[in-house]
Structures are given as structure tokens and as C-alpha cells.
Amino acid sequence: MAISVLAPVKRKIDYPSSDGKPVAESDYQLTPLTYARDGLRHYFRHRPDVYVAGNLLIYYEAGNLKAMVAPDVFVVLGVGNHDRSSYLLWKEGKVPDFVLEITSRTTRGEDQGKKRELYRRLGVAEYWQHDPRGEWLKPPLRGLELVAGEYVALPGRELADGTLALRSRLLGLELRLTEGGLRFHDPVTGLNVRTLAETDEAWEREQQARERAEEGWQAAEARVAELEALLRRERGRDRDS
């Protein structure tokens, strides 16, 4: 059963936007965290009703500053896609649909115990865990779906190249563990959600292609102008002769 959200108190309360903890323990956790947050934000950028955030505090009891959690990455369907300093459940009226925790040596116990139970009580429909180093979680990518108030493991499959793939029904994407790490895969387009570097590289390639096309048009226009000038000179000589 989903936890009840307490009614807001009348006095004004300042809900801090940071819990003072680092975003990630190391690059092993920061890299997939950044990719998941930024990649999903870019993927859903045209959806005004999908909100994606990472390491943002969620307060789930009005007036209780201790009743908070900061998922590594979470997605909420059906709320406004705009920046927030924190996420207040009683104001938003919607719990996250998708939560991803990047597991590390110091967080593995909490991710599999306290946080899992909290997300279950809150009613988070999909809870995912990823262990980038493959040391604490077997297999290193796990997806859980809330069914009748309890989490049930999502089935995975192994692709021909050994890639582990699990489908997120809510996102309409597959989460895959490739040689390059965690990737979100769009089964409709057959493409992976790009990293920021890949997005920048694609933009640069498109910009270079546009510049080459513009240079080609300018060269073609210059050649046409040259031919027209030559034709005018030929016609002038014909009139003079």
C-alpha cells in the first residue's frame, strides 16, 4: 500500500535543496548517473509532462524535514517538465514512476534495504539498481516492478554479444549493460540514448555538414554568376560584330 502524504502545515517551512552528501562516491558511479540523468532529460525534452531529475531531494511528508530521500535518478510521468529546487510530494501529487540507484560499496546496504522499502511504501512503480563495478550486485543491473504492493524482478535477456537487456515498461526503453557501460536503448528507433559527448559530437557533425552544404551552394552560385557574366560578354561581342 502506498504511504499516505501528510497534509501541508500552515506555517512556512524552508525545505533544503541539498542533504550535504556528494553526488557520487567516485567516477564509477558518477559516469552512469550523469548519463542516465542527462540522457533521459534529452530523450524526453519534447515531453512537457515528463520530469527527469538526479540527486534531487524528494520530501514525502509535509513539515518533516527528515522525511526525504535523494534518488540518483528518477522520472515522473504526468507532472510539469521544469526545474525544481526540491520535489514536494504533497504539492506535486505524484510519486516518481521510475527510480535508478547507482550502487556502490557504501550505499549497497541502503539501496537494497531502507531505500527499497521506502520506494515500495511510496508506490514507486519501477525501482532499478546498477552496480557499475559488478562487485556488489549480481547481475549488476536489476529492475523491480511494483505488483500488488510488492516488488517483483523484471525479466532480463542476453543479446548475441553478451549484452544484458531489461525493459522498462514505463519509459518504453530498454536498459542495457554494454561494454561501454549502462545504456538506454529505444526499441522503436533501434538506437541508444546518447551520452552528452555523443550528442555534442552529433551536433558538431551536423553543423559541419551544414557548413559544407552552404559552401557548396555558395560555390555553385559563384559558378552560375561567372557563367552568366561570360554569356553576357559573348552576346556583347556578337552585337558588336
C-alpha atoms as a PDB file:
ATOM      1  CA  MET A   1       0.000   0.000   0.000  1.00  0.00           C
ATOM      2  CA  ALA A   2       1.351   3.426  -0.918  1.00  0.00           C
ATOM      3  CA  ILE A   3       2.326   5.641   2.012  1.00  0.00           C
ATOM      4  CA  SER A   4      -0.072   8.476   2.775  1.00  0.00           C
ATOM      5  CA  VAL A   5       1.203  12.020   2.255  1.00  0.00           C
ATOM      6  CA  LEU A   6       0.504  14.281   5.211  1.00  0.00           C
ATOM      7  CA  ALA A   7      -1.429  17.486   4.609  1.00  0.00           C
ATOM      8  CA  PRO A   8       0.772  20.590   4.441  1.00  0.00           C
ATOM      9  CA  VAL A   9       1.198  22.553   7.643  1.00  0.00           C
ATOM     10  CA  LYS A  10       0.159  26.189   7.720  1.00  0.00           C
ATOM     11  CA  ARG A  11       3.492  27.709   8.771  1.00  0.00           C
ATOM     12  CA  LYS A  12       6.042  28.359   6.035  1.00  0.00           C
ATOM     13  CA  ILE A  13       8.877  25.852   6.041  1.00  0.00           C
ATOM     14  CA  ASP A  14      12.100  26.071   4.076  1.00  0.00           C
ATOM     15  CA  TYR A  15      12.893  22.681   2.578  1.00  0.00           C
ATOM     16  CA  PRO A  16      16.665  22.471   1.895  1.00  0.00           C
ATOM     17  CA  SER A  17      17.688  21.588  -1.632  1.00  0.00           C
ATOM     18  CA  SER A  18      20.769  19.623  -0.545  1.00  0.00           C
ATOM     19  CA  ASP A  19      21.482  16.942   2.030  1.00  0.00           C
ATOM     20  CA  GLY A  20      25.194  17.811   2.100  1.00  0.00           C
ATOM     21  CA  LYS A  21      26.224  14.454   0.637  1.00  0.00           C
ATOM     22  CA  PRO A  22      28.375  14.135  -2.526  1.00  0.00           C
ATOM     23  CA  VAL A  23      26.585  13.359  -5.782  1.00  0.00           C
ATOM     24  CA  ALA A  24      28.575  10.156  -6.252  1.00  0.00           C
ATOM     25  CA  GLU A  25      31.248   8.159  -4.467  1.00  0.00           C
ATOM     26  CA  SER A  26      33.573   8.010  -7.496  1.00  0.00           C
ATOM     27  CA  ASP A  27      33.696   8.236 -11.277  1.00  0.00           C
ATOM     28  CA  TYR A  28      32.417   4.662 -11.401  1.00  0.00           C
ATOM     29  CA  GLN A  29      29.091   5.917 -10.036  1.00  0.00           C
ATOM     30  CA  LEU A  30      29.148   9.461 -11.450  1.00  0.00           C
ATOM     31  CA  THR A  31      29.521   8.399 -15.093  1.00  0.00           C
ATOM     32  CA  PRO A  32      26.355   6.242 -15.336  1.00  0.00           C
ATOM     33  CA  LEU A  33      24.454   8.642 -13.054  1.00  0.00           C
ATOM     34  CA  THR A  34      25.240  11.612 -15.285  1.00  0.00           C
ATOM     35  CA  TYR A  35      24.470   9.632 -18.431  1.00  0.00           C
ATOM     36  CA  ALA A  36      21.113   8.397 -17.111  1.00  0.00           C
ATOM     37  CA  ARG A  37      20.015  11.823 -15.870  1.00  0.00           C
ATOM     38  CA  ASP A  38      21.182  13.901 -18.838  1.00  0.00           C
ATOM     39  CA  GLY A  39      20.371  11.251 -21.443  1.00  0.00           C
ATOM     40  CA  LEU A  40      16.806  10.820 -20.214  1.00  0.00           C
ATOM     41  CA  ARG A  41      16.290  14.582 -19.908  1.00  0.00           C
ATOM     42  CA  HIS A  42      17.377  14.972 -23.513  1.00  0.00           C
ATOM     43  CA  TYR A  43      15.287  11.994 -24.650  1.00  0.00           C
ATOM     44  CA  PHE A  44      12.124  13.416 -23.044  1.00  0.00           C
ATOM     45  CA  ARG A  45      12.930  17.070 -23.830  1.00  0.00           C
ATOM     46  CA  HIS A  46       9.846  17.463 -26.048  1.00  0.00           C
ATOM     47  CA  ARG A  47       7.512  15.991 -23.428  1.00  0.00           C
ATOM     48  CA  PRO A  48       6.055  18.775 -21.224  1.00  0.00           C
ATOM     49  CA  ASP A  49       4.540  16.127 -18.934  1.00  0.00           C
ATOM     50  CA  VAL A  50       7.706  14.164 -18.112  1.00  0.00           C
ATOM     51  CA  TYR A  51      10.118  15.311 -15.401  1.00  0.00           C
ATOM     52  CA  VAL A  52      13.609  13.836 -15.055  1.00  0.00           C
ATOM     53  CA  ALA A  53      15.969  14.663 -12.201  1.00  0.00           C
ATOM     54  CA  GLY A  54      19.053  13.320 -10.489  1.00  0.00           C
ATOM     55  CA  ASN A  55      20.234  13.577  -6.881  1.00  0.00           C
ATOM     56  CA  LEU A  56      17.316  15.899  -6.109  1.00  0.00           C
ATOM     57  CA  LEU A  57      15.712  15.776  -2.662  1.00  0.00           C
ATOM     58  CA  ILE A  58      12.208  14.345  -2.513  1.00  0.00           C
ATOM     59  CA  TYR A  59      10.226  15.324   0.595  1.00  0.00           C
ATOM     60  CA  TYR A  60       7.332  12.978   1.231  1.00  0.00           C
ATOM     61  CA  GLU A  61       5.824  14.307   4.499  1.00  0.00           C
ATOM     62  CA  ALA A  62       4.899  17.965   4.745  1.00  0.00           C
ATOM     63  CA  GLY A  63       6.535  19.639   7.707  1.00  0.00           C
ATOM     64  CA  ASN A  64       9.002  16.804   8.322  1.00  0.00           C
ATOM     65  CA  LEU A  65      12.470  17.764   7.096  1.00  0.00           C
ATOM     66  CA  LYS A  66      13.774  14.284   7.912  1.00  0.00           C
ATOM     67  CA  ALA A  67      11.232  12.583   5.647  1.00  0.00           C
ATOM     68  CA  MET A  68      13.285  12.932   2.492  1.00  0.00           C
ATOM     69  CA  VAL A  69      15.264  10.856   0.003  1.00  0.00           C
ATOM     70  CA  ALA A  70      17.530  11.753  -2.910  1.00  0.00           C
ATOM     71  CA  PRO A  71      17.417   9.103  -5.662  1.00  0.00           C
ATOM     72  CA  ASP A  72      20.359   9.084  -8.039  1.00  0.00           C
ATOM     73  CA  VAL A  73      17.948   9.389 -10.983  1.00  0.00           C
ATOM     74  CA  PHE A  74      14.167   9.487 -11.098  1.00  0.00           C
ATOM     75  CA  VAL A  75      11.444  10.057 -13.684  1.00  0.00           C
ATOM     76  CA  VAL A  76       7.902  11.278 -13.047  1.00  0.00           C
ATOM     77  CA  LEU A  77       5.224  10.920 -15.711  1.00  0.00           C
ATOM     78  CA  GLY A  78       2.344  13.377 -15.655  1.00  0.00           C
ATOM     79  CA  VAL A  79       3.950  16.430 -13.995  1.00  0.00           C
ATOM     80  CA  GLY A  80       5.422  19.610 -15.446  1.00  0.00           C
ATOM     81  CA  ASN A  81       8.812  19.426 -17.133  1.00  0.00           C
ATOM     82  CA  HIS A  82      10.568  22.340 -15.427  1.00  0.00           C
ATOM     83  CA  ASP A  83      13.435  22.864 -12.993  1.00  0.00           C
ATOM     84  CA  ARG A  84      12.863  22.481  -9.260  1.00  0.00           C
ATOM     85  CA  SER A  85      14.991  23.060  -6.154  1.00  0.00           C
ATOM     86  CA  SER A  86      13.343  20.040  -4.489  1.00  0.00           C
ATOM     87  CA  TYR A  87      10.388  17.745  -5.100  1.00  0.00           C
ATOM     88  CA  LEU A  88       7.486  18.043  -2.635  1.00  0.00           C
ATOM     89  CA  LEU A  89       5.093  15.114  -2.980  1.00  0.00           C
ATOM     90  CA  TRP A  90       2.087  16.863  -1.446  1.00  0.00           C
ATOM     91  CA  LYS A  91       2.426  19.724  -3.945  1.00  0.00           C
ATOM     92  CA  GLU A  92       3.208  17.614  -6.998  1.00  0.00           C
ATOM     93  CA  GLY A  93       0.579  14.988  -6.194  1.00  0.00           C
ATOM     94  CA  LYS A  94       2.622  12.269  -7.882  1.00  0.00           C
ATOM     95  CA  VAL A  95       5.378   9.914  -6.729  1.00  0.00           C
ATOM     96  CA  PRO A  96       8.224   9.059  -9.111  1.00  0.00           C
ATOM     97  CA  ASP A  97       7.368   6.304 -11.570  1.00  0.00           C
ATOM     98  CA  PHE A  98      10.982   5.252 -12.182  1.00  0.00           C
ATOM     99  CA  VAL A  99      13.934   5.348  -9.778  1.00  0.00           C
ATOM    100  CA  LEU A 100      17.505   4.303 -10.533  1.00  0.00           C
ATOM    101  CA  GLU A 101      20.146   3.949  -7.831  1.00  0.00           C
ATOM    102  CA  ILE A 102      23.810   3.549  -8.780  1.00  0.00           C
ATOM    103  CA  THR A 103      25.060   1.108  -6.156  1.00  0.00           C
ATOM    104  CA  SER A 104      28.461   1.454  -4.508  1.00  0.00           C
ATOM    105  CA  ARG A 105      30.330  -0.112  -1.610  1.00  0.00           C
ATOM    106  CA  THR A 106      28.909   2.398   0.874  1.00  0.00           C
ATOM    107  CA  THR A 107      25.350   2.536  -0.477  1.00  0.00           C
ATOM    108  CA  ARG A 108      24.626  -1.106  -1.343  1.00  0.00           C
ATOM    109  CA  GLY A 109      23.010  -1.904   2.010  1.00  0.00           C
ATOM    110  CA  GLU A 110      20.768   1.146   1.951  1.00  0.00           C
ATOM    111  CA  ASP A 111      19.882   0.698  -1.729  1.00  0.00           C
ATOM    112  CA  GLN A 112      18.759  -2.885  -1.191  1.00  0.00           C
ATOM    113  CA  GLY A 113      17.210  -2.326   2.242  1.00  0.00           C
ATOM    114  CA  LYS A 114      15.993   1.040   3.521  1.00  0.00           C
ATOM    115  CA  LYS A 115      15.547   2.742   0.157  1.00  0.00           C
ATOM    116  CA  ARG A 116      13.912  -0.244  -1.467  1.00  0.00           C
ATOM    117  CA  GLU A 117      11.366  -0.434   1.354  1.00  0.00           C
ATOM    118  CA  LEU A 118      10.713   3.318   1.213  1.00  0.00           C
ATOM    119  CA  TYR A 119      10.165   3.274  -2.544  1.00  0.00           C
ATOM    120  CA  ARG A 120       7.820   0.328  -2.116  1.00  0.00           C
ATOM    121  CA  ARG A 121       5.802   2.154   0.554  1.00  0.00           C
ATOM    122  CA  LEU A 122       5.679   5.335  -1.519  1.00  0.00           C
ATOM    123  CA  GLY A 123       4.430   3.380  -4.527  1.00  0.00           C
ATOM    124  CA  VAL A 124       7.349   3.849  -6.939  1.00  0.00           C
ATOM    125  CA  ALA A 125       6.318   1.632  -9.866  1.00  0.00           C
ATOM    126  CA  GLU A 126       9.822   0.694 -11.055  1.00  0.00           C
ATOM    127  CA  TYR A 127      12.947   0.536  -8.911  1.00  0.00           C
ATOM    128  CA  TRP A 128      16.258  -0.101 -10.660  1.00  0.00           C
ATOM    129  CA  GLN A 129      19.752  -0.729  -9.318  1.00  0.00           C
ATOM    130  CA  HIS A 130      23.031  -0.700 -11.210  1.00  0.00           C
ATOM    131  CA  ASP A 131      26.427  -1.711  -9.890  1.00  0.00           C
ATOM    132  CA  PRO A 132      28.991  -0.274 -12.364  1.00  0.00           C
ATOM    133  CA  ARG A 133      31.843  -2.331 -10.905  1.00  0.00           C
ATOM    134  CA  GLY A 134      29.882  -5.572 -10.782  1.00  0.00           C
ATOM    135  CA  GLU A 135      31.075  -6.254  -7.230  1.00  0.00           C
ATOM    136  CA  TRP A 136      28.010  -5.819  -5.045  1.00  0.00           C
ATOM    137  CA  LEU A 137      25.039  -6.737  -7.246  1.00  0.00           C
ATOM    138  CA  LYS A 138      24.581  -9.951  -9.232  1.00  0.00           C
ATOM    139  CA  PRO A 139      23.685  -9.400 -12.025  1.00  0.00           C
ATOM    140  CA  PRO A 140      24.997  -5.805 -11.973  1.00  0.00           C
ATOM    141  CA  LEU A 141      21.727  -4.445 -13.416  1.00  0.00           C
ATOM    142  CA  ARG A 142      18.429  -5.196 -11.716  1.00  0.00           C
ATOM    143  CA  GLY A 143      14.915  -3.926 -12.350  1.00  0.00           C
ATOM    144  CA  LEU A 144      11.971  -4.355  -9.981  1.00  0.00           C
ATOM    145  CA  GLU A 145       8.318  -3.673 -10.768  1.00  0.00           C
ATOM    146  CA  LEU A 146       5.684  -2.991  -8.129  1.00  0.00           C
ATOM    147  CA  VAL A 147       2.957  -5.627  -8.360  1.00  0.00           C
ATOM    148  CA  ALA A 148       0.168  -5.748  -5.757  1.00  0.00           C
ATOM    149  CA  GLY A 149       2.278  -3.705  -3.355  1.00  0.00           C
ATOM    150  CA  GLU A 150       5.426  -5.835  -3.643  1.00  0.00           C
ATOM    151  CA  TYR A 151       8.478  -5.644  -5.873  1.00  0.00           C
ATOM    152  CA  VAL A 152       8.876  -8.366  -8.475  1.00  0.00           C
ATOM    153  CA  ALA A 153      12.067  -8.801 -10.524  1.00  0.00           C
ATOM    154  CA  LEU A 154      11.786  -7.801 -14.181  1.00  0.00           C
ATOM    155  CA  PRO A 155      12.968 -10.479 -16.616  1.00  0.00           C
ATOM    156  CA  GLY A 156      16.193  -9.886 -18.496  1.00  0.00           C
ATOM    157  CA  ARG A 157      17.638 -11.326 -21.665  1.00  0.00           C
ATOM    158  CA  GLU A 158      21.126 -11.772 -23.029  1.00  0.00           C
ATOM    159  CA  LEU A 159      21.807 -10.492 -26.522  1.00  0.00           C
ATOM    160  CA  ALA A 160      24.062 -12.253 -29.013  1.00  0.00           C
ATOM    161  CA  ASP A 161      27.049 -10.112 -27.989  1.00  0.00           C
ATOM    162  CA  GLY A 162      26.545 -10.874 -24.295  1.00  0.00           C
ATOM    163  CA  THR A 163      24.769  -7.605 -23.511  1.00  0.00           C
ATOM    164  CA  LEU A 164      22.271  -7.817 -20.646  1.00  0.00           C
ATOM    165  CA  ALA A 165      18.955  -6.139 -21.536  1.00  0.00           C
ATOM    166  CA  LEU A 166      15.897  -5.416 -19.391  1.00  0.00           C
ATOM    167  CA  ARG A 167      12.819  -3.488 -20.487  1.00  0.00           C
ATOM    168  CA  SER A 168      11.289  -0.571 -18.624  1.00  0.00           C
ATOM    169  CA  ARG A 169       7.597  -0.650 -19.435  1.00  0.00           C
ATOM    170  CA  LEU A 170       7.063   2.859 -18.067  1.00  0.00           C
ATOM    171  CA  LEU A 171       9.855   4.521 -20.056  1.00  0.00           C
ATOM    172  CA  GLY A 172       9.336   2.437 -23.191  1.00  0.00           C
ATOM    173  CA  LEU A 173      13.092   1.854 -23.226  1.00  0.00           C
ATOM    174  CA  GLU A 174      15.481  -0.983 -22.580  1.00  0.00           C
ATOM    175  CA  LEU A 175      18.261  -0.669 -20.044  1.00  0.00           C
ATOM    176  CA  ARG A 176      21.330  -2.426 -21.376  1.00  0.00           C
ATOM    177  CA  LEU A 177      24.752  -3.257 -19.988  1.00  0.00           C
ATOM    178  CA  THR A 178      27.210  -2.966 -22.866  1.00  0.00           C
ATOM    179  CA  GLU A 179      30.998  -2.966 -22.977  1.00  0.00           C
ATOM    180  CA  GLY A 180      30.732   0.824 -22.728  1.00  0.00           C
ATOM    181  CA  GLY A 181      28.564   0.647 -19.609  1.00  0.00           C
ATOM    182  CA  LEU A 182      24.900   1.415 -18.974  1.00  0.00           C
ATOM    183  CA  ARG A 183      22.845   2.479 -21.992  1.00  0.00           C
ATOM    184  CA  PHE A 184      19.180   3.231 -22.567  1.00  0.00           C
ATOM    185  CA  HIS A 185      18.020   1.708 -25.847  1.00  0.00           C
ATOM    186  CA  ASP A 186      14.999   2.787 -27.875  1.00  0.00           C
ATOM    187  CA  PRO A 187      13.495  -0.359 -29.454  1.00  0.00           C
ATOM    188  CA  VAL A 188      11.443   1.764 -31.882  1.00  0.00           C
ATOM    189  CA  THR A 189      14.399   3.530 -33.493  1.00  0.00           C
ATOM    190  CA  GLY A 190      16.926   0.830 -32.705  1.00  0.00           C
ATOM    191  CA  LEU A 191      19.263   3.496 -31.292  1.00  0.00           C
ATOM    192  CA  ASN A 192      20.778   4.079 -27.886  1.00  0.00           C
ATOM    193  CA  VAL A 193      20.033   7.243 -25.951  1.00  0.00           C
ATOM    194  CA  ARG A 194      23.134   9.346 -26.481  1.00  0.00           C
ATOM    195  CA  THR A 195      25.613  10.472 -23.888  1.00  0.00           C
ATOM    196  CA  LEU A 196      26.300  14.222 -23.695  1.00  0.00           C
ATOM    197  CA  ALA A 197      29.577  13.699 -25.550  1.00  0.00           C
ATOM    198  CA  GLU A 198      27.803  11.751 -28.288  1.00  0.00           C
ATOM    199  CA  THR A 199      25.135  14.466 -28.520  1.00  0.00           C
ATOM    200  CA  ASP A 200      27.831  17.142 -28.841  1.00  0.00           C
ATOM    201  CA  GLU A 201      29.674  15.121 -31.467  1.00  0.00           C
ATOM    202  CA  ALA A 202      26.459  14.604 -33.454  1.00  0.00           C
ATOM    203  CA  TRP A 203      25.703  18.334 -33.265  1.00  0.00           C
ATOM    204  CA  GLU A 204      29.219  19.163 -34.479  1.00  0.00           C
ATOM    205  CA  ARG A 205      28.882  16.713 -37.376  1.00  0.00           C
ATOM    206  CA  GLU A 206      25.533  18.235 -38.336  1.00  0.00           C
ATOM    207  CA  GLN A 207      26.980  21.742 -38.075  1.00  0.00           C
ATOM    208  CA  GLN A 208      29.950  20.758 -40.251  1.00  0.00           C
ATOM    209  CA  ALA A 209      27.599  19.166 -42.791  1.00  0.00           C
ATOM    210  CA  ARG A 210      25.520  22.363 -42.895  1.00  0.00           C
ATOM    211  CA  GLU A 211      28.666  24.449 -43.362  1.00  0.00           C
ATOM    212  CA  ARG A 212      29.864  22.192 -46.184  1.00  0.00           C
ATOM    213  CA  ALA A 213      26.442  22.372 -47.817  1.00  0.00           C
ATOM    214  CA  GLU A 214      26.457  26.172 -47.512  1.00  0.00           C
ATOM    215  CA  GLU A 215      29.936  26.342 -49.007  1.00  0.00           C
ATOM    216  CA  GLY A 216      28.754  24.113 -51.851  1.00  0.00           C
ATOM    217  CA  TRP A 217      25.763  26.382 -52.546  1.00  0.00           C
ATOM    218  CA  GLN A 218      27.975  29.463 -52.461  1.00  0.00           C
ATOM    219  CA  ALA A 219      30.445  27.839 -54.878  1.00  0.00           C
ATOM    220  CA  ALA A 220      27.579  26.838 -57.174  1.00  0.00           C
ATOM    221  CA  GLU A 221      26.094  30.360 -57.096  1.00  0.00           C
ATOM    222  CA  ALA A 222      29.507  31.853 -57.845  1.00  0.00           C
ATOM    223  CA  ARG A 223      29.921  29.500 -60.803  1.00  0.00           C
ATOM    224  CA  VAL A 224      26.452  30.396 -62.121  1.00  0.00           C
ATOM    225  CA  ALA A 225      27.267  34.086 -61.808  1.00  0.00           C
ATOM    226  CA  GLU A 226      30.552  33.501 -63.642  1.00  0.00           C
ATOM    227  CA  LEU A 227      28.797  31.668 -66.486  1.00  0.00           C
ATOM    228  CA  GLU A 228      26.139  34.394 -66.744  1.00  0.00           C
ATOM    229  CA  ALA A 229      28.849  37.051 -66.976  1.00  0.00           C
ATOM    230  CA  LEU A 230      30.622  35.051 -69.674  1.00  0.00           C
ATOM    231  CA  LEU A 231      27.355  34.682 -71.592  1.00  0.00           C
ATOM    232  CA  ARG A 232      26.714  38.443 -71.425  1.00  0.00           C
ATOM    233  CA  ARG A 233      30.199  39.129 -72.798  1.00  0.00           C
ATOM    234  CA  GLU A 234      29.667  36.684 -75.652  1.00  0.00           C
ATOM    235  CA  ARG A 235      26.355  38.313 -76.529  1.00  0.00           C
ATOM    236  CA  GLY A 236      28.004  41.734 -76.451  1.00  0.00           C
ATOM    237  CA  ARG A 237      30.683  40.634 -78.871  1.00  0.00           C
ATOM    238  CA  ASP A 238      28.021  39.185 -81.182  1.00  0.00           C
ATOM    239  CA  ARG A 239      26.196  42.545 -81.286  1.00  0.00           C
ATOM    240  CA  ASP A 240      29.417  44.426 -81.980  1.00  0.00           C
ATOM    241  CA  SER A 241      30.459  42.160 -84.858  1.00  0.00           C
END
